[in-house]
N, C-alpha and C. Protein backbone atom coordinates (compact mmCIF):
# COMPACT_ATOMS: atom_id res chain seq x y z
N MET A 1 53.96 9.73 51.61
CA MET A 1 54.49 9.13 53.21
C MET A 1 54.73 8.12 53.96
N LYS A 2 55.42 7.77 54.24
CA LYS A 2 56.03 6.50 55.52
C LYS A 2 55.06 6.21 56.40
N GLU A 3 55.11 5.28 55.17
CA GLU A 3 53.70 4.43 57.03
C GLU A 3 54.83 4.09 58.49
N THR A 4 55.83 3.73 58.33
CA THR A 4 56.57 3.64 59.52
C THR A 4 57.34 4.22 59.60
N LEU A 5 58.09 5.10 60.78
CA LEU A 5 59.32 6.18 60.97
C LEU A 5 60.20 5.57 61.31
N SER A 6 61.19 6.26 61.15
CA SER A 6 62.60 6.40 60.66
C SER A 6 63.09 6.51 62.28
N THR A 7 63.69 6.10 62.94
CA THR A 7 64.66 6.63 64.27
C THR A 7 65.53 7.55 63.96
N ARG A 8 65.76 7.79 62.28
CA ARG A 8 66.35 9.14 62.13
C ARG A 8 65.93 9.62 61.77
N VAL A 9 66.00 11.40 61.65
CA VAL A 9 65.11 12.28 61.04
C VAL A 9 64.67 12.81 59.48
N GLU A 10 63.75 11.96 59.19
CA GLU A 10 63.68 12.17 57.42
C GLU A 10 62.57 13.12 57.11
N LYS A 11 63.19 13.54 56.24
CA LYS A 11 61.67 14.36 55.17
C LYS A 11 61.21 13.61 54.22
N CYS A 12 59.48 13.81 54.28
CA CYS A 12 58.58 12.68 53.85
C CYS A 12 58.13 13.70 52.54
N ASP A 13 57.33 13.16 51.95
CA ASP A 13 56.83 13.39 50.48
C ASP A 13 55.81 15.03 51.03
N ASP A 14 55.55 15.07 53.15
CA ASP A 14 54.75 16.36 52.90
C ASP A 14 55.67 17.45 53.04
N GLY A 15 56.53 17.69 52.98
CA GLY A 15 57.92 18.46 53.03
C GLY A 15 58.17 18.05 55.56
N LYS A 16 57.26 17.07 55.97
CA LYS A 16 57.68 17.17 57.31
C LYS A 16 58.39 16.35 57.61
N TYR A 17 59.50 17.05 59.06
CA TYR A 17 60.19 16.00 59.38
C TYR A 17 60.31 15.21 59.91
N ARG A 18 59.78 13.84 59.82
CA ARG A 18 59.86 12.58 60.92
C ARG A 18 60.35 11.65 61.79
N TRP A 19 60.56 11.43 63.19
CA TRP A 19 61.22 10.00 63.12
C TRP A 19 60.65 10.09 64.79
N THR A 20 61.19 8.60 65.09
CA THR A 20 61.16 7.88 66.58
C THR A 20 62.07 8.19 67.26
N TYR A 21 61.92 8.34 68.46
CA TYR A 21 62.81 7.96 69.78
C TYR A 21 62.01 7.02 71.01
N GLU A 22 63.64 6.57 70.40
CA GLU A 22 63.45 5.43 72.34
C GLU A 22 63.98 5.34 73.31
N MET A 23 63.14 6.32 74.23
CA MET A 23 64.41 6.26 75.52
C MET A 23 63.95 5.23 76.27
N SER A 24 64.87 4.33 77.31
CA SER A 24 65.13 3.60 78.56
C SER A 24 65.21 4.53 79.64
N LEU A 25 64.03 4.32 80.43
CA LEU A 25 63.19 4.68 81.87
C LEU A 25 64.09 4.91 82.41
N PHE A 26 65.51 3.63 82.47
CA PHE A 26 65.78 3.55 83.90
C PHE A 26 67.53 3.69 83.43
N LYS A 27 67.86 4.19 82.17
CA LYS A 27 69.07 5.20 81.53
C LYS A 27 68.97 6.07 81.62
N ASN A 28 68.31 6.87 81.37
CA ASN A 28 67.38 8.23 80.86
C ASN A 28 66.58 8.46 81.89
N LEU A 29 66.91 9.33 82.31
CA LEU A 29 66.05 9.68 83.84
C LEU A 29 65.68 11.10 83.86
N THR A 30 64.97 11.39 82.67
CA THR A 30 64.90 12.78 81.94
C THR A 30 63.51 12.39 82.40
N PHE A 31 62.66 11.33 82.25
CA PHE A 31 60.86 11.82 81.83
C PHE A 31 60.79 11.38 83.87
N PHE A 32 62.17 10.93 84.31
CA PHE A 32 61.58 11.23 86.15
C PHE A 32 61.61 12.04 86.73
N PHE A 33 62.78 13.04 86.32
CA PHE A 33 62.77 14.53 87.53
C PHE A 33 61.24 15.66 86.81
N LEU A 34 61.41 15.08 85.67
CA LEU A 34 59.96 15.82 85.46
C LEU A 34 59.12 15.13 86.21
N VAL A 35 58.90 14.57 86.04
CA VAL A 35 56.73 14.32 87.09
C VAL A 35 57.85 14.52 88.79
N TRP A 36 59.28 14.20 89.31
CA TRP A 36 59.38 14.56 90.28
C TRP A 36 59.39 16.75 90.51
N LYS A 37 59.81 16.78 89.60
CA LYS A 37 59.77 18.29 89.66
C LYS A 37 57.61 18.79 89.57
N ILE A 38 57.19 18.13 88.98
CA ILE A 38 55.31 18.68 88.89
C ILE A 38 54.58 18.45 90.80
N PHE A 39 55.35 17.70 91.20
CA PHE A 39 54.90 17.26 92.73
C PHE A 39 55.54 17.99 93.52
N PHE A 40 57.15 18.51 93.65
CA PHE A 40 57.63 19.61 94.16
C PHE A 40 57.19 21.10 93.77
N PHE A 41 56.41 21.13 92.85
CA PHE A 41 55.97 22.19 93.08
C PHE A 41 54.38 22.63 93.15
N ILE A 42 53.85 21.39 93.55
CA ILE A 42 52.45 21.33 94.03
C ILE A 42 52.77 21.49 95.14
N ILE A 43 53.45 20.80 95.81
CA ILE A 43 53.68 20.97 97.41
C ILE A 43 54.46 21.64 97.83
N VAL A 44 55.00 22.66 97.36
CA VAL A 44 55.27 24.26 97.50
C VAL A 44 54.35 24.66 97.34
N GLY A 45 53.32 24.91 96.51
CA GLY A 45 52.71 25.99 96.14
C GLY A 45 51.86 25.57 97.26
N VAL A 46 51.42 24.00 97.74
CA VAL A 46 49.98 24.10 99.01
C VAL A 46 51.45 25.04 100.61
N PHE A 47 51.91 24.25 100.98
CA PHE A 47 52.73 24.96 101.89
C PHE A 47 52.72 26.09 101.50
N ALA A 48 53.21 26.95 100.60
CA ALA A 48 53.01 28.44 100.70
C ALA A 48 51.77 29.27 101.25
N PHE A 49 51.00 28.24 100.39
CA PHE A 49 49.19 28.99 100.73
C PHE A 49 49.58 28.88 102.53
N MET A 50 49.72 27.67 103.11
CA MET A 50 49.66 28.06 104.92
C MET A 50 50.16 28.50 105.48
N MET A 51 51.92 28.67 104.88
CA MET A 51 51.97 29.81 106.08
C MET A 51 51.57 30.84 105.51
N ILE A 52 50.64 31.58 104.31
CA ILE A 52 50.46 32.44 104.49
C ILE A 52 48.82 33.00 105.43
N ILE A 53 48.38 31.33 105.66
CA ILE A 53 47.31 31.35 106.60
C ILE A 53 47.75 31.70 108.25
N ASP A 54 49.26 31.21 108.38
CA ASP A 54 49.08 31.09 109.37
C ASP A 54 49.64 32.76 109.83
N ALA A 55 50.20 33.14 108.85
CA ALA A 55 50.86 34.36 109.04
C ALA A 55 49.78 35.55 109.54
N PHE A 56 48.65 35.29 108.92
CA PHE A 56 47.59 36.24 109.16
C PHE A 56 46.74 35.51 110.25
N GLU A 57 46.51 34.43 110.77
CA GLU A 57 46.13 33.53 111.56
C GLU A 57 46.65 33.37 113.20
N TRP A 58 48.63 33.36 112.85
CA TRP A 58 48.84 33.20 114.03
C TRP A 58 50.31 34.22 114.00
N PRO A 59 50.06 35.54 114.32
CA PRO A 59 51.12 36.53 114.21
C PRO A 59 52.68 36.41 115.16
N ALA A 60 51.88 36.40 115.84
CA ALA A 60 53.21 36.63 117.24
C ALA A 60 53.29 35.32 117.50
N GLU A 61 53.16 34.30 117.06
CA GLU A 61 54.00 32.96 116.77
C GLU A 61 54.53 32.54 115.59
N LEU A 62 54.56 33.18 114.44
CA LEU A 62 54.81 33.10 113.30
C LEU A 62 55.74 32.35 112.88
N GLY A 63 57.17 32.42 113.55
CA GLY A 63 58.64 32.03 113.31
C GLY A 63 58.56 30.64 114.06
N VAL A 64 57.69 30.46 115.14
CA VAL A 64 57.78 28.79 115.39
C VAL A 64 56.40 28.05 114.08
N ARG A 65 55.58 28.66 113.92
CA ARG A 65 54.77 28.03 112.99
C ARG A 65 55.98 28.16 111.26
N ILE A 66 56.44 28.22 111.01
CA ILE A 66 56.78 28.44 109.94
C ILE A 66 58.24 27.35 109.93
N LEU A 67 59.00 27.39 110.93
CA LEU A 67 59.82 26.27 111.61
C LEU A 67 58.98 24.88 111.66
N GLU A 68 58.19 25.03 111.82
CA GLU A 68 57.28 23.95 112.02
C GLU A 68 56.60 22.95 110.55
N THR A 69 56.26 24.44 110.21
CA THR A 69 55.92 24.32 108.49
C THR A 69 56.70 23.50 107.47
N LEU A 70 58.29 23.89 107.80
CA LEU A 70 59.39 23.57 107.59
C LEU A 70 59.65 22.11 107.64
N LYS A 71 59.37 21.87 108.86
CA LYS A 71 59.80 20.47 109.09
C LYS A 71 59.01 19.42 108.20
N ASN A 72 58.01 19.83 108.53
CA ASN A 72 56.33 18.89 107.74
C ASN A 72 56.98 18.88 106.62
N PHE A 73 57.62 20.51 105.63
CA PHE A 73 58.13 19.80 104.21
C PHE A 73 58.68 19.05 104.38
N CYS A 74 60.14 19.34 104.63
CA CYS A 74 61.04 18.13 104.52
C CYS A 74 60.54 16.65 104.60
N TRP A 75 59.29 16.72 105.67
CA TRP A 75 59.33 15.57 105.74
C TRP A 75 58.57 15.02 104.47
N PHE A 76 57.27 15.73 103.81
CA PHE A 76 56.81 15.30 103.03
C PHE A 76 57.36 15.87 101.45
N LEU A 77 58.51 16.50 101.58
CA LEU A 77 59.40 16.24 100.42
C LEU A 77 60.11 14.42 100.81
N ILE A 78 60.86 14.15 101.45
CA ILE A 78 61.53 12.61 101.24
C ILE A 78 59.91 11.74 101.18
N GLY A 79 58.52 11.69 102.18
CA GLY A 79 57.99 10.12 101.36
C GLY A 79 56.63 11.12 99.64
N MET A 80 57.39 12.18 99.15
CA MET A 80 57.32 12.10 98.13
C MET A 80 58.49 11.38 96.87
N THR A 81 59.49 11.75 97.51
CA THR A 81 60.30 11.11 96.80
C THR A 81 60.29 9.84 96.35
N VAL A 82 59.87 9.38 97.42
CA VAL A 82 59.95 7.70 98.03
C VAL A 82 58.27 7.09 97.02
N ILE A 83 57.35 7.97 97.00
CA ILE A 83 56.06 7.86 96.64
C ILE A 83 56.52 8.20 94.83
N VAL A 84 56.98 8.84 94.67
CA VAL A 84 57.35 9.13 92.80
C VAL A 84 58.38 8.08 92.44
N ILE A 85 59.60 7.39 93.60
CA ILE A 85 60.59 6.19 92.95
C ILE A 85 59.87 5.22 92.74
N ILE A 86 58.48 4.89 93.62
CA ILE A 86 58.26 3.82 93.80
C ILE A 86 57.11 3.31 92.35
N SER A 87 56.10 4.17 92.08
CA SER A 87 56.00 4.79 90.56
C SER A 87 56.14 4.71 89.55
N TYR A 88 57.57 5.49 89.25
CA TYR A 88 58.18 5.76 88.43
C TYR A 88 58.73 4.18 88.06
N LEU A 89 59.22 3.39 88.87
CA LEU A 89 59.80 2.27 88.43
C LEU A 89 58.32 1.19 87.91
N ILE A 90 57.11 1.61 88.33
CA ILE A 90 56.08 0.34 88.22
C ILE A 90 56.06 1.03 86.35
N TYR A 91 55.63 3.07 87.12
CA TYR A 91 55.38 3.18 85.28
C TYR A 91 56.15 2.30 83.82
N ALA A 92 57.48 2.04 84.49
CA ALA A 92 58.39 2.08 83.41
C ALA A 92 58.32 -0.18 83.39
N ALA A 93 57.93 -0.78 84.10
CA ALA A 93 57.43 -1.92 84.23
C ALA A 93 56.21 -2.28 83.03
N VAL A 94 55.42 -1.18 83.29
CA VAL A 94 54.38 -1.71 82.64
C VAL A 94 54.91 -0.63 81.39
N MET A 95 55.72 -0.45 80.92
CA MET A 95 56.34 0.72 79.43
C MET A 95 56.50 -0.75 78.93
N GLY A 96 57.19 -1.28 79.79
CA GLY A 96 58.49 -2.45 79.14
C GLY A 96 60.09 -1.82 79.07
N GLY A 97 59.78 -0.69 80.41
CA GLY A 97 61.26 -0.35 80.40
C GLY A 97 61.48 1.07 79.58
N SER A 98 60.88 1.38 78.28
CA SER A 98 61.16 2.62 77.49
C SER A 98 59.62 2.92 77.33
N TYR A 99 60.39 4.76 76.60
CA TYR A 99 59.44 5.87 76.22
C TYR A 99 59.71 5.90 75.20
N ILE A 100 58.61 5.35 74.38
CA ILE A 100 58.69 6.02 72.87
C ILE A 100 58.10 6.46 71.97
N VAL A 101 58.53 7.92 71.71
CA VAL A 101 57.61 8.73 71.02
C VAL A 101 57.89 9.05 69.93
N GLU A 102 56.72 9.34 68.77
CA GLU A 102 57.44 10.26 67.37
C GLU A 102 56.76 11.83 67.13
N PHE A 103 57.97 12.30 66.43
CA PHE A 103 58.10 12.89 66.15
C PHE A 103 57.79 13.91 65.09
N GLU A 104 57.15 14.66 64.58
CA GLU A 104 56.97 15.89 63.60
C GLU A 104 56.65 17.13 63.52
N MET A 105 57.91 17.47 62.78
CA MET A 105 57.79 18.74 62.37
C MET A 105 58.16 19.35 61.68
N ASP A 106 57.83 20.59 60.97
CA ASP A 106 57.53 21.57 59.61
C ASP A 106 57.95 22.82 60.47
N GLU A 107 58.10 23.85 59.32
CA GLU A 107 58.39 25.45 59.26
C GLU A 107 57.73 26.10 60.78
N LYS A 108 56.40 25.55 60.82
CA LYS A 108 55.67 25.89 61.55
C LYS A 108 55.05 25.75 63.23
N GLY A 109 55.44 24.60 63.43
CA GLY A 109 55.78 23.56 65.00
C GLY A 109 56.32 22.49 65.07
N ILE A 110 56.54 21.59 66.12
CA ILE A 110 56.39 20.46 65.99
C ILE A 110 56.11 19.94 67.33
N ARG A 111 55.89 18.59 66.87
CA ARG A 111 54.44 17.81 67.35
C ARG A 111 55.54 16.09 68.10
N HIS A 112 55.19 16.20 69.62
CA HIS A 112 55.47 15.01 70.03
C HIS A 112 54.11 13.78 70.54
N ARG A 113 54.55 12.65 69.89
CA ARG A 113 53.15 12.21 70.14
C ARG A 113 54.22 10.94 70.91
N GLN A 114 53.22 10.26 71.55
CA GLN A 114 53.69 8.72 72.10
C GLN A 114 52.82 7.75 71.77
N ILE A 115 53.91 6.42 71.42
CA ILE A 115 52.85 6.06 70.29
C ILE A 115 52.07 5.57 70.61
N ALA A 116 50.60 4.93 69.77
CA ALA A 116 49.31 4.01 70.25
C ALA A 116 49.53 3.59 71.26
N SER A 117 50.26 2.41 71.19
CA SER A 117 50.24 1.13 72.49
C SER A 117 50.81 1.54 73.14
N GLN A 118 50.90 2.75 73.04
CA GLN A 118 51.56 3.08 75.15
C GLN A 118 51.50 4.25 75.88
N ALA A 119 50.20 4.88 74.41
CA ALA A 119 49.50 5.87 74.78
C ALA A 119 48.46 5.55 75.72
N LYS A 120 48.30 4.43 75.15
CA LYS A 120 46.46 3.92 75.81
C LYS A 120 46.68 3.43 77.56
N LYS A 121 48.21 2.50 77.53
CA LYS A 121 48.34 2.50 78.86
C LYS A 121 49.04 3.05 79.34
N ALA A 122 49.46 4.49 79.48
CA ALA A 122 49.62 5.72 80.08
C ALA A 122 48.43 6.54 80.70
N LYS A 123 47.37 6.41 79.32
CA LYS A 123 45.71 6.97 79.99
C LYS A 123 45.42 6.30 81.09
N LYS A 124 45.39 4.73 80.72
CA LYS A 124 44.29 4.34 81.82
C LYS A 124 45.29 4.14 83.65
N ILE A 125 46.54 4.36 83.43
CA ILE A 125 47.39 4.75 84.86
C ILE A 125 46.73 5.53 85.11
N ALA A 126 47.01 6.88 83.77
CA ALA A 126 46.78 8.27 84.53
C ALA A 126 45.33 8.22 85.03
N ALA A 127 44.18 7.66 84.71
CA ALA A 127 43.18 7.26 85.29
C ALA A 127 42.77 6.63 86.53
N ALA A 128 43.40 5.39 86.71
CA ALA A 128 43.65 5.20 88.09
C ALA A 128 45.01 6.18 88.90
N THR A 129 45.54 6.35 88.85
CA THR A 129 45.94 8.73 90.11
C THR A 129 45.21 8.74 89.89
N VAL A 130 44.55 9.71 88.63
CA VAL A 130 43.24 10.68 88.98
C VAL A 130 41.84 9.68 90.63
N VAL A 131 41.77 8.83 90.17
CA VAL A 131 40.90 7.98 90.92
C VAL A 131 41.02 7.94 92.04
N ALA A 132 42.65 7.32 92.66
CA ALA A 132 43.25 7.07 93.51
C ALA A 132 43.26 8.43 94.17
N GLY A 133 43.58 9.61 93.80
CA GLY A 133 44.24 10.78 94.44
C GLY A 133 42.15 11.47 94.83
N ILE A 134 41.64 10.96 94.25
CA ILE A 134 40.13 11.65 94.66
C ILE A 134 40.11 11.14 95.57
N ALA A 135 39.70 9.61 95.97
CA ALA A 135 39.32 8.80 97.31
C ALA A 135 40.77 8.97 98.21
N THR A 136 41.77 9.50 97.90
CA THR A 136 42.18 9.73 99.41
C THR A 136 42.65 11.18 99.58
N GLY A 137 42.24 12.12 99.00
CA GLY A 137 41.70 13.18 99.19
C GLY A 137 43.03 14.22 98.39
N ARG A 138 43.77 13.45 98.04
CA ARG A 138 45.31 14.37 97.34
C ARG A 138 45.15 14.94 96.34
N VAL A 139 45.50 16.17 96.49
CA VAL A 139 45.29 17.07 95.22
C VAL A 139 46.61 17.08 94.60
N SER A 140 47.52 17.25 95.00
CA SER A 140 48.64 16.69 94.16
C SER A 140 48.75 15.43 93.36
N THR A 141 48.16 14.56 93.93
CA THR A 141 48.17 13.20 93.08
C THR A 141 46.74 13.21 92.18
N VAL A 142 45.75 14.18 92.08
CA VAL A 142 45.12 14.17 91.18
C VAL A 142 45.85 14.47 89.76
N ALA A 143 46.66 16.03 90.17
CA ALA A 143 47.66 16.26 89.94
C ALA A 143 48.03 15.87 88.75
N ALA A 144 48.98 15.40 89.16
CA ALA A 144 49.91 13.75 88.37
C ALA A 144 48.98 13.37 87.99
N GLY A 145 47.94 12.84 88.05
CA GLY A 145 47.38 11.75 87.32
C GLY A 145 46.65 12.53 85.95
N LEU A 146 46.59 13.83 86.24
CA LEU A 146 45.54 14.93 84.81
C LEU A 146 46.87 14.99 84.36
N ASN A 147 48.13 15.49 84.46
CA ASN A 147 49.43 15.45 83.62
C ASN A 147 49.60 14.74 82.60
N SER A 148 49.88 13.23 83.50
CA SER A 148 50.72 12.26 82.93
C SER A 148 49.82 11.85 81.85
N SER A 149 48.13 12.59 82.26
CA SER A 149 47.49 11.73 81.70
C SER A 149 47.51 12.27 79.81
N ARG A 150 48.52 13.18 79.71
CA ARG A 150 48.79 14.15 78.22
C ARG A 150 49.64 13.25 77.62
N THR A 151 49.70 12.57 76.09
CA THR A 151 50.33 11.76 75.21
C THR A 151 51.02 12.41 74.19
N GLU A 152 50.55 13.11 74.29
CA GLU A 152 50.53 14.57 72.88
C GLU A 152 50.79 15.96 73.18
N MET A 153 51.57 16.34 72.39
CA MET A 153 51.91 18.11 72.95
C MET A 153 52.47 18.93 71.47
N TYR A 154 51.66 19.69 71.67
CA TYR A 154 52.58 21.00 70.33
C TYR A 154 53.35 22.26 70.30
N SER A 155 53.90 21.92 69.91
CA SER A 155 54.64 23.11 70.28
C SER A 155 54.84 24.77 69.31
N ASP A 156 54.37 25.42 69.22
CA ASP A 156 54.00 26.66 68.19
C ASP A 156 55.25 27.25 67.93
N PHE A 157 56.06 27.82 67.49
CA PHE A 157 57.40 27.79 67.27
C PHE A 157 57.20 29.53 67.17
N SER A 158 55.43 29.82 66.89
CA SER A 158 56.25 31.61 66.81
C SER A 158 55.31 31.84 68.82
N ARG A 159 55.58 30.88 69.18
CA ARG A 159 55.02 31.04 71.03
C ARG A 159 56.75 30.97 71.52
N VAL A 160 57.53 30.26 71.92
CA VAL A 160 58.08 29.76 71.92
C VAL A 160 59.05 30.25 72.25
N ARG A 161 59.54 31.15 73.55
CA ARG A 161 60.63 31.27 73.94
C ARG A 161 61.91 31.06 74.72
N LYS A 162 61.73 29.90 74.71
CA LYS A 162 63.67 29.49 74.81
C LYS A 162 63.52 28.33 73.83
N VAL A 163 64.78 27.69 73.55
CA VAL A 163 65.29 26.67 73.57
C VAL A 163 66.34 26.39 74.32
N ILE A 164 66.44 24.63 75.17
CA ILE A 164 67.87 24.76 76.03
C ILE A 164 68.37 22.95 75.34
N ALA A 165 69.79 23.12 74.95
CA ALA A 165 69.54 22.06 74.57
C ALA A 165 70.70 20.68 75.48
N CYS A 166 69.86 20.07 75.58
CA CYS A 166 71.01 18.51 76.77
C CYS A 166 71.36 17.71 75.90
N PRO A 167 72.37 17.96 75.24
CA PRO A 167 72.68 16.72 74.28
C PRO A 167 73.31 15.91 74.72
N ARG A 168 73.86 15.27 76.77
CA ARG A 168 74.30 14.05 77.60
C ARG A 168 73.15 13.38 77.36
N ARG A 169 71.21 13.76 77.72
CA ARG A 169 70.49 13.36 76.88
C ARG A 169 69.73 12.87 76.45
N SER A 170 70.18 13.85 75.06
CA SER A 170 69.20 13.23 74.24
C SER A 170 68.40 14.23 73.64
N THR A 171 68.39 15.43 74.39
CA THR A 171 66.62 16.14 74.35
C THR A 171 67.77 17.83 74.33
N ILE A 172 66.24 18.15 73.29
CA ILE A 172 66.52 19.73 73.37
C ILE A 172 64.89 20.41 74.12
N LYS A 173 64.75 20.84 74.84
CA LYS A 173 63.81 21.80 75.60
C LYS A 173 63.31 22.39 75.15
N VAL A 174 62.04 22.97 74.84
CA VAL A 174 61.73 23.90 73.94
C VAL A 174 60.60 24.58 74.93
N ASN A 175 60.64 25.72 74.96
CA ASN A 175 59.74 26.38 75.99
C ASN A 175 58.55 27.84 76.02
N ALA A 176 57.31 27.16 75.53
CA ALA A 176 56.71 27.78 75.28
C ALA A 176 55.67 28.81 77.02
N PRO A 177 54.79 29.71 76.51
CA PRO A 177 54.64 30.23 77.93
C PRO A 177 52.93 29.23 77.81
N PHE A 178 53.28 28.45 79.65
CA PHE A 178 52.47 27.87 80.14
C PHE A 178 52.23 26.31 79.32
N SER A 179 53.85 25.74 78.61
CA SER A 179 53.56 25.05 77.52
C SER A 179 55.31 24.29 77.45
N HIS A 180 55.85 23.22 78.42
CA HIS A 180 57.74 23.36 78.56
C HIS A 180 56.95 21.46 77.28
N ASN A 181 57.47 21.68 76.46
CA ASN A 181 57.71 20.60 75.49
C ASN A 181 59.06 19.68 76.08
N GLN A 182 59.72 18.88 75.22
CA GLN A 182 60.98 18.63 75.63
C GLN A 182 61.03 17.07 73.91
N VAL A 183 61.72 17.29 73.05
CA VAL A 183 62.31 16.61 72.08
C VAL A 183 63.51 15.62 72.30
N TYR A 184 63.22 14.39 71.60
CA TYR A 184 64.42 13.79 72.58
C TYR A 184 64.70 13.23 71.14
N VAL A 185 65.98 12.90 70.42
CA VAL A 185 66.36 12.86 69.35
C VAL A 185 67.64 12.43 69.65
N LEU A 186 68.01 11.56 67.88
CA LEU A 186 69.63 10.71 67.97
C LEU A 186 70.82 11.55 68.06
N LYS A 187 71.94 11.13 68.64
CA LYS A 187 73.21 12.50 68.70
C LYS A 187 73.49 12.69 67.17
N ASP A 188 73.40 11.55 65.73
CA ASP A 188 73.52 12.46 65.27
C ASP A 188 72.75 13.53 63.98
N ASP A 189 71.88 13.02 64.68
CA ASP A 189 70.60 14.13 64.31
C ASP A 189 70.41 15.59 65.14
N PHE A 190 71.16 15.25 66.09
CA PHE A 190 70.62 16.54 67.34
C PHE A 190 70.56 17.73 66.54
N ASP A 191 72.21 18.33 66.50
CA ASP A 191 72.33 19.64 65.90
C ASP A 191 71.70 20.27 64.93
N PHE A 192 71.28 18.85 63.99
CA PHE A 192 70.53 19.61 62.57
C PHE A 192 68.86 20.57 63.60
N VAL A 193 68.01 19.48 64.11
CA VAL A 193 66.82 19.64 65.18
C VAL A 193 67.04 20.91 65.76
N LYS A 194 68.88 21.06 66.69
CA LYS A 194 68.26 22.12 67.61
C LYS A 194 68.36 22.73 66.21
N ASP A 195 69.17 23.52 66.09
CA ASP A 195 69.71 24.49 65.00
C ASP A 195 68.16 24.50 63.97
N TYR A 196 67.48 23.95 63.24
CA TYR A 196 65.87 23.64 63.03
C TYR A 196 64.88 24.61 63.86
N ILE A 197 64.69 24.79 64.80
CA ILE A 197 63.75 24.37 65.60
C ILE A 197 64.09 26.05 66.21
N CYS A 198 65.29 26.43 66.77
CA CYS A 198 66.05 27.96 66.81
C CYS A 198 65.64 29.15 65.53
N SER A 199 66.13 28.16 64.19
CA SER A 199 65.63 29.19 62.86
C SER A 199 64.56 29.71 63.17
N HIS A 200 63.48 28.72 63.40
CA HIS A 200 62.33 28.75 63.39
C HIS A 200 61.14 29.60 64.11
N CYS A 201 62.06 29.99 65.37
CA CYS A 201 61.54 30.55 66.15
C CYS A 201 62.27 31.91 66.10
N PRO A 202 60.75 33.05 66.41
CA PRO A 202 61.53 34.78 66.13
C PRO A 202 61.19 34.98 67.67
N ASN A 203 60.61 33.62 67.89
CA ASN A 203 60.94 35.33 69.58
C ASN A 203 61.58 34.26 70.80
N LEU A 204 62.83 34.00 70.76
CA LEU A 204 63.85 33.23 71.42
C LEU A 204 64.61 34.48 71.76
N LYS A 205 64.24 34.16 73.51
CA LYS A 205 65.20 35.60 73.89
C LYS A 205 66.30 34.91 74.47
């Protein structure tokens, strides 16, 4: 087995395919949009809960309450976007402007693992985010911190339901219930990896 992984997909002595991928955090915004969507759905959930409460407590003024809630939602969305942009720029700077990940793939599944040096930094950032969220009482910040602490993900092909290819971003989305993995691969190996994954996922929709 090779000690240094190649950027090209290579089949190692144990039969597994391995490669590394370095993604520019400034040129490829896949990671940014992922973080933004996490915050967005958390906020949507909070405001949906608030609207349900209003429907029971203020039935006569429901229309006015909904408009007020939607207005607050828009302001929260703008503020959230600004915070995510600033946080993302700080994260990118700490990571040296790139996200470097190792992939390991065989007939059963694929593993996505951030390199050790970056994983340590990511976990420290995640821990600081959770603490900040608890200190300020912001559930969305705590949730984002907990989510960003994950530096490794494994997709079992038998559980995968959807595979989405995004060649322009060099990204293959491998989605299973409660698990959305993102596989990054160079252009020359993109079709091979995509076809390999699809051919080994028996439950694709």
